[in-house]
Amino acid sequence: MDTKLLVIDDDPNICEMLKLYFENEGYGIKIANDGAEGVETFKRFEPDLVLLDIMLPEKDGWQVCREI
């Protein structure tokens, strides 16, 4: 499967759980731990789906959503 997912969340436990689950299902996945990193990763990785937390350091999820 060549579907790419980007998880933007500052909770390492949630990120690790989602990464393990989606990799096991065959998805390509990248993790970003704050809003600024999330925007940069989005530009480089060009994911098919973004799982975005709203309460993030650097830039909140609403600002990230507007930028991407």
N, C-alpha and C. Protein backbone atom coordinates (compact mmCIF):
# COMPACT_ATOMS: atom_id res chain seq x y z
N MET A 1 0.85 -1.17 0.00
CA MET A 1 0.00 0.00 0.00
C MET A 1 0.90 1.24 0.00
N ASP A 2 0.61 2.21 -0.83
CA ASP A 2 1.46 3.38 -0.92
C ASP A 2 0.80 4.63 -0.34
N THR A 3 -0.17 4.45 0.54
CA THR A 3 -0.82 5.58 1.19
C THR A 3 0.09 6.12 2.29
N LYS A 4 0.25 7.45 2.29
CA LYS A 4 1.14 8.08 3.26
C LYS A 4 0.33 8.88 4.28
N LEU A 5 0.67 8.68 5.56
CA LEU A 5 -0.01 9.36 6.66
C LEU A 5 0.98 10.22 7.42
N LEU A 6 0.52 11.38 7.87
CA LEU A 6 1.31 12.25 8.74
C LEU A 6 0.55 12.43 10.04
N VAL A 7 1.20 12.12 11.15
CA VAL A 7 0.63 12.33 12.48
C VAL A 7 1.34 13.53 13.09
N ILE A 8 0.57 14.55 13.47
CA ILE A 8 1.12 15.73 14.13
C ILE A 8 0.52 15.77 15.53
N ASP A 9 1.33 15.39 16.51
CA ASP A 9 0.86 15.32 17.90
C ASP A 9 2.05 15.43 18.83
N ASP A 10 1.87 16.09 19.96
CA ASP A 10 2.97 16.27 20.90
C ASP A 10 3.02 15.20 21.98
N ASP A 11 2.12 14.24 21.95
CA ASP A 11 2.13 13.14 22.93
C ASP A 11 2.87 11.95 22.33
N PRO A 12 4.05 11.62 22.85
CA PRO A 12 4.85 10.53 22.26
C PRO A 12 4.17 9.16 22.32
N ASN A 13 3.33 8.94 23.34
CA ASN A 13 2.63 7.65 23.44
C ASN A 13 1.61 7.48 22.31
N ILE A 14 0.87 8.53 22.03
CA ILE A 14 -0.11 8.48 20.94
C ILE A 14 0.60 8.29 19.61
N CYS A 15 1.69 9.03 19.41
CA CYS A 15 2.44 8.93 18.16
C CYS A 15 2.97 7.51 17.94
N GLU A 16 3.54 6.94 18.98
CA GLU A 16 4.11 5.59 18.86
C GLU A 16 3.02 4.56 18.59
N MET A 17 1.89 4.67 19.30
CA MET A 17 0.79 3.74 19.09
C MET A 17 0.27 3.81 17.65
N LEU A 18 0.04 5.03 17.15
CA LEU A 18 -0.46 5.18 15.79
C LEU A 18 0.57 4.70 14.77
N LYS A 19 1.84 5.00 15.01
CA LYS A 19 2.89 4.56 14.09
C LYS A 19 2.93 3.04 13.99
N LEU A 20 2.93 2.36 15.13
CA LEU A 20 2.96 0.90 15.12
C LEU A 20 1.73 0.32 14.42
N TYR A 21 0.56 0.85 14.73
CA TYR A 21 -0.67 0.35 14.12
C TYR A 21 -0.67 0.53 12.61
N PHE A 22 -0.41 1.75 12.15
CA PHE A 22 -0.50 2.01 10.72
C PHE A 22 0.63 1.35 9.92
N GLU A 23 1.82 1.28 10.48
CA GLU A 23 2.90 0.56 9.79
C GLU A 23 2.56 -0.92 9.65
N ASN A 24 1.95 -1.49 10.69
CA ASN A 24 1.53 -2.89 10.64
C ASN A 24 0.48 -3.12 9.55
N GLU A 25 -0.32 -2.10 9.25
CA GLU A 25 -1.33 -2.19 8.20
C GLU A 25 -0.77 -1.87 6.81
N GLY A 26 0.51 -1.50 6.74
CA GLY A 26 1.16 -1.28 5.45
C GLY A 26 1.23 0.16 4.99
N TYR A 27 0.86 1.11 5.84
CA TYR A 27 0.92 2.53 5.47
C TYR A 27 2.31 3.09 5.72
N GLY A 28 2.68 4.08 4.91
CA GLY A 28 3.87 4.86 5.19
C GLY A 28 3.48 5.96 6.16
N ILE A 29 4.26 6.17 7.21
CA ILE A 29 3.86 7.15 8.22
C ILE A 29 5.05 7.97 8.67
N LYS A 30 4.79 9.27 8.87
CA LYS A 30 5.78 10.19 9.44
C LYS A 30 5.13 10.83 10.66
N ILE A 31 5.97 11.19 11.62
CA ILE A 31 5.52 11.80 12.87
C ILE A 31 6.14 13.19 12.99
N ALA A 32 5.35 14.15 13.43
CA ALA A 32 5.85 15.48 13.78
C ALA A 32 5.33 15.80 15.18
N ASN A 33 6.18 16.39 16.02
CA ASN A 33 5.83 16.59 17.42
C ASN A 33 5.43 18.01 17.79
N ASP A 34 5.42 18.92 16.84
CA ASP A 34 4.89 20.26 17.09
C ASP A 34 4.39 20.84 15.77
N GLY A 35 3.69 21.96 15.86
CA GLY A 35 3.06 22.53 14.67
C GLY A 35 4.02 22.95 13.58
N ALA A 36 5.12 23.60 13.97
CA ALA A 36 6.10 24.06 12.97
C ALA A 36 6.72 22.87 12.24
N GLU A 37 7.09 21.84 12.99
CA GLU A 37 7.65 20.63 12.38
C GLU A 37 6.61 19.96 11.49
N GLY A 38 5.36 20.00 11.90
CA GLY A 38 4.29 19.40 11.11
C GLY A 38 4.13 20.04 9.75
N VAL A 39 4.19 21.37 9.70
CA VAL A 39 4.07 22.08 8.42
C VAL A 39 5.23 21.72 7.50
N GLU A 40 6.44 21.72 8.04
CA GLU A 40 7.62 21.38 7.24
C GLU A 40 7.56 19.93 6.74
N THR A 41 7.16 19.02 7.61
CA THR A 41 7.06 17.61 7.22
C THR A 41 5.99 17.43 6.15
N PHE A 42 4.88 18.16 6.27
CA PHE A 42 3.81 18.10 5.27
C PHE A 42 4.34 18.50 3.90
N LYS A 43 5.11 19.55 3.84
CA LYS A 43 5.65 20.03 2.57
C LYS A 43 6.60 19.02 1.93
N ARG A 44 7.43 18.38 2.73
CA ARG A 44 8.40 17.40 2.21
C ARG A 44 7.77 16.05 1.88
N PHE A 45 6.89 15.58 2.75
CA PHE A 45 6.36 14.22 2.67
C PHE A 45 5.15 14.10 1.76
N GLU A 46 4.36 15.17 1.62
CA GLU A 46 3.14 15.19 0.82
C GLU A 46 2.21 14.01 1.14
N PRO A 47 1.69 13.96 2.37
CA PRO A 47 0.86 12.82 2.79
C PRO A 47 -0.53 12.83 2.16
N ASP A 48 -1.14 11.67 2.16
CA ASP A 48 -2.52 11.53 1.70
C ASP A 48 -3.52 11.89 2.80
N LEU A 49 -3.10 11.73 4.06
CA LEU A 49 -3.96 12.00 5.21
C LEU A 49 -3.12 12.57 6.34
N VAL A 50 -3.68 13.56 7.06
CA VAL A 50 -3.02 14.14 8.22
C VAL A 50 -3.90 13.93 9.44
N LEU A 51 -3.33 13.34 10.49
CA LEU A 51 -4.00 13.24 11.78
C LEU A 51 -3.39 14.35 12.64
N LEU A 52 -4.18 15.36 12.95
CA LEU A 52 -3.67 16.60 13.53
C LEU A 52 -4.30 16.89 14.89
N ASP A 53 -3.45 17.02 15.90
CA ASP A 53 -3.88 17.46 17.23
C ASP A 53 -4.12 18.97 17.17
N ILE A 54 -5.04 19.47 17.96
CA ILE A 54 -5.34 20.90 17.97
C ILE A 54 -4.43 21.65 18.93
N MET A 55 -4.17 21.07 20.09
CA MET A 55 -3.35 21.74 21.10
C MET A 55 -1.89 21.29 20.95
N LEU A 56 -1.10 22.12 20.27
CA LEU A 56 0.30 21.81 19.97
C LEU A 56 1.21 22.96 20.39
N PRO A 57 2.49 22.65 20.68
CA PRO A 57 3.45 23.74 20.87
C PRO A 57 3.85 24.35 19.52
N GLU A 58 4.44 25.51 19.57
CA GLU A 58 4.91 26.27 18.40
C GLU A 58 3.74 26.88 17.64
N LYS A 59 2.98 26.08 16.92
CA LYS A 59 1.79 26.53 16.20
C LYS A 59 0.67 25.59 16.60
N ASP A 60 -0.52 26.13 16.90
CA ASP A 60 -1.62 25.23 17.26
C ASP A 60 -2.17 24.54 16.01
N GLY A 61 -3.00 23.55 16.21
CA GLY A 61 -3.52 22.76 15.10
C GLY A 61 -4.32 23.55 14.11
N TRP A 62 -5.04 24.58 14.57
CA TRP A 62 -5.81 25.42 13.65
C TRP A 62 -4.89 26.18 12.71
N GLN A 63 -3.81 26.71 13.24
CA GLN A 63 -2.85 27.43 12.40
C GLN A 63 -2.18 26.48 11.41
N VAL A 64 -1.81 25.30 11.87
CA VAL A 64 -1.21 24.30 10.98
C VAL A 64 -2.18 23.96 9.85
N CYS A 65 -3.44 23.75 10.20
CA CYS A 65 -4.46 23.40 9.20
C CYS A 65 -4.58 24.48 8.14
N ARG A 66 -4.57 25.74 8.55
CA ARG A 66 -4.66 26.84 7.58
C ARG A 66 -3.43 26.86 6.66
N GLU A 67 -2.27 26.57 7.21
CA GLU A 67 -1.04 26.64 6.42
C GLU A 67 -0.91 25.49 5.43
N ILE A 68 -1.42 24.33 5.79
CA ILE A 68 -1.28 23.20 4.87
C ILE A 68 -2.46 23.15 3.92
